């Protein structure tokens, strides 16, 4: 049932663990109890081991690996670990070699894309830090358990018999075998997970490559359109220059024709006017010669200006093309850098969101507890207020009844007083009538 990896681990000195059979263990234990040779062998082994300084996982984490990228599962490092570090690596199924530092050049292979090389390096670094975090936590647990055992030592060690010691050693060996099997299972799962991640990286790289090819094709189409437009502009400029040349030739032909007509007229005048005409013709010829020289100079200057103008236009178009190519290259580099920064920002945001979610869960629990307490306090306060309000209502009702009773008594008294006043008024009127009748009788 043991794989070659388990055999390597059993025979390796770095973790100082072996898996003996029960028979071998019993023979070795009897020999170690009865013979003094076993003690001498042990002392020799201890002296040899003392020459090798054991390393912790922190020391391994700061070392540099010499493995290449083609080895997915590197062999175990030939180093001696401290007991707690070795036990933590065994429990978690971690190869100490994968905790070492590896630079970007160690992931180089023939015909590999630099983006894939960089992604593999980043994935290795992330996996290295995660494994280091797990091993630190496990080592801390082991240190805590050792501290508890040292604080509370077992009391029944002195009463153990050799049979009980053998039984305990068998149980420990069986637990170590179970731990080794669990480590192998974990390692296999981790390898499957890493293969899936590598496949996912390759798929993402293919997608990125396809998008880049599509963009390059679009850029090529744009360049072809720009070239066509430039050729069209050059053809238009050539056509304009040809038309200008034709116009200039037509003007020169017209000037030549006018000059010929003038010469004919002057020849006729020469015949008519004799010496004066000869003198005038000479002066006019000289003037015409000078004018022709000036016109030739002007035409030459105009031609040079046109040629320099077209030469400048060509240089400007070339500079524009170079600027466009540089801008396209910068844009391409900027997009690649932007994608890398975006991926890094997404990773950081994901970590911040996870931390924020944990904090929010804790805060929500605290807020829920506080709300519950506040609700109970408010409920008690409301009950007190309701009782006080009922008491106040009862008191107000009693006061209203008493006020109504007093108002009724006051109304009765007012009615009695009004009746008395009416009776007195009636008596006064009767007295007045009787007095008036007496006066009338007199």
Foldseek 3Di string as FASTA:
>chain_A
DDDVLVVCVQPAQQQPHHQDDLVVVVVVVVCVVPPPVVVVVVVVVVVVVVVADADALVVLLAAAAPAAQVDPDDHADRHHHDNLRSVLCLQQLHRSRLSYDYDLVRHDDPPDDSVLSVVVNVVSVVVNVVVVVSSVVSSVVVVVVVVVCVVPPDDCPVVDDPVNVSVVVVVVSVVSVVSNVVSVVSVVVVSVVVVVVSVVSVVVVVVVVVVVVVVVVVVVVVVVVVVVVVVVVVVVLVVVVVVVVVVVVVVVVVVVVVVVVVVVVLVVVCVVPPPVSVVVVVVVVVVVVVVVVVVVVVVVVVVVVSVVVVVVVVVVVVVVVVVVVVVVVVVVVVVVVVVVVVVVVVVVVVVVVVVVVVVVVVVVVVVVVVVVVVVVVVVVVVVVVVVVVVVVVVVVVVVVVVVVVVVVVVVVVVVVVVVVVVVVVVVVVVVVVVVVVVVVVD
